[in-house]
């Protein structure tokens, strides 16, 4: 059974598809921004860990 679509039906379908594409585009932009924030946080944490490891802490002398 094939359905016959009117011009109005097709326009509505295209309109809904365009809305969905715009929504996906917005979500992709949000995800890209979140990814950038995560990368920045990871780089900052990596730098802090590197600085922490490079610090020299005095050690207690052992009694022998």
Protein backbone atom coordinates (compact mmCIF):
# COMPACT_ATOMS: atom_id res chain seq x y z
CA UNK A 1 0.00 0.00 0.00
CA UNK A 2 1.55 3.24 -1.08
CA UNK A 3 0.41 6.47 0.38
CA UNK A 4 -0.01 9.59 -1.71
CA UNK A 5 1.48 12.64 -0.04
CA UNK A 6 0.15 16.09 -0.70
CA UNK A 7 2.39 19.10 -1.07
CA UNK A 8 1.33 20.24 2.41
CA UNK A 9 2.27 16.83 3.86
CA UNK A 10 5.71 16.97 2.27
CA UNK A 11 6.25 20.55 3.45
CA UNK A 12 5.37 19.52 6.99
CA UNK A 13 7.75 16.54 6.83
CA UNK A 14 10.58 18.74 5.55
CA UNK A 15 9.83 21.33 8.24
CA UNK A 16 10.03 18.71 10.99
CA UNK A 17 13.26 17.32 9.54
CA UNK A 18 14.75 20.82 9.48
CA UNK A 19 13.78 21.36 13.12
CA UNK A 20 15.42 18.05 14.03
CA UNK A 21 18.58 18.96 12.14
CA UNK A 22 18.74 22.32 13.90
CA UNK A 23 18.26 20.62 17.27
CA UNK A 24 21.06 18.14 16.48
CA UNK A 25 23.30 21.02 15.41
CA UNK A 26 22.66 22.78 18.72
CA UNK A 27 23.43 19.59 20.65
CA UNK A 28 26.66 19.09 18.71
CA UNK A 29 27.74 22.63 19.54
CA UNK A 30 27.00 22.01 23.23
CA UNK A 31 28.97 18.75 23.13
CA UNK A 32 31.93 20.48 21.44
CA UNK A 33 31.92 23.16 24.12
CA UNK A 34 31.76 20.54 26.89
CA UNK A 35 34.62 18.66 25.24
CA UNK A 36 36.73 21.82 25.19
CA UNK A 37 35.98 22.40 28.87
CA UNK A 38 36.96 18.82 29.70
CA UNK A 39 40.18 19.11 27.72
CA UNK A 40 41.06 22.35 29.51
CA UNK A 41 40.34 20.77 32.90
CA UNK A 42 42.43 17.71 32.01
CA UNK A 43 45.35 19.87 30.89
CA UNK A 44 45.15 21.93 34.06
CA UNK A 45 45.05 18.80 36.21
CA UNK A 46 47.99 17.33 34.29
CA UNK A 47 50.01 20.51 34.85
CA UNK A 48 49.13 20.54 38.54
CA UNK A 49 50.17 16.89 38.90
CA UNK A 50 53.45 17.59 37.12
CA UNK A 51 54.15 20.54 39.42
CA UNK A 52 53.21 18.46 42.47
CA UNK A 53 55.58 15.65 41.47
CA UNK A 54 58.44 18.10 40.86
CA UNK A 55 58.25 19.61 44.36
CA UNK A 56 60.93 18.37 46.70
CA UNK A 57 59.68 17.53 50.16
CA UNK A 58 62.12 17.11 53.03
CA UNK A 59 62.35 13.60 54.35
CA UNK A 60 62.95 12.54 57.89
CA UNK A 61 66.40 11.16 58.67
CA UNK A 62 66.41 7.54 59.73
CA UNK A 63 68.15 6.55 62.93
CA UNK A 64 70.56 3.78 62.16
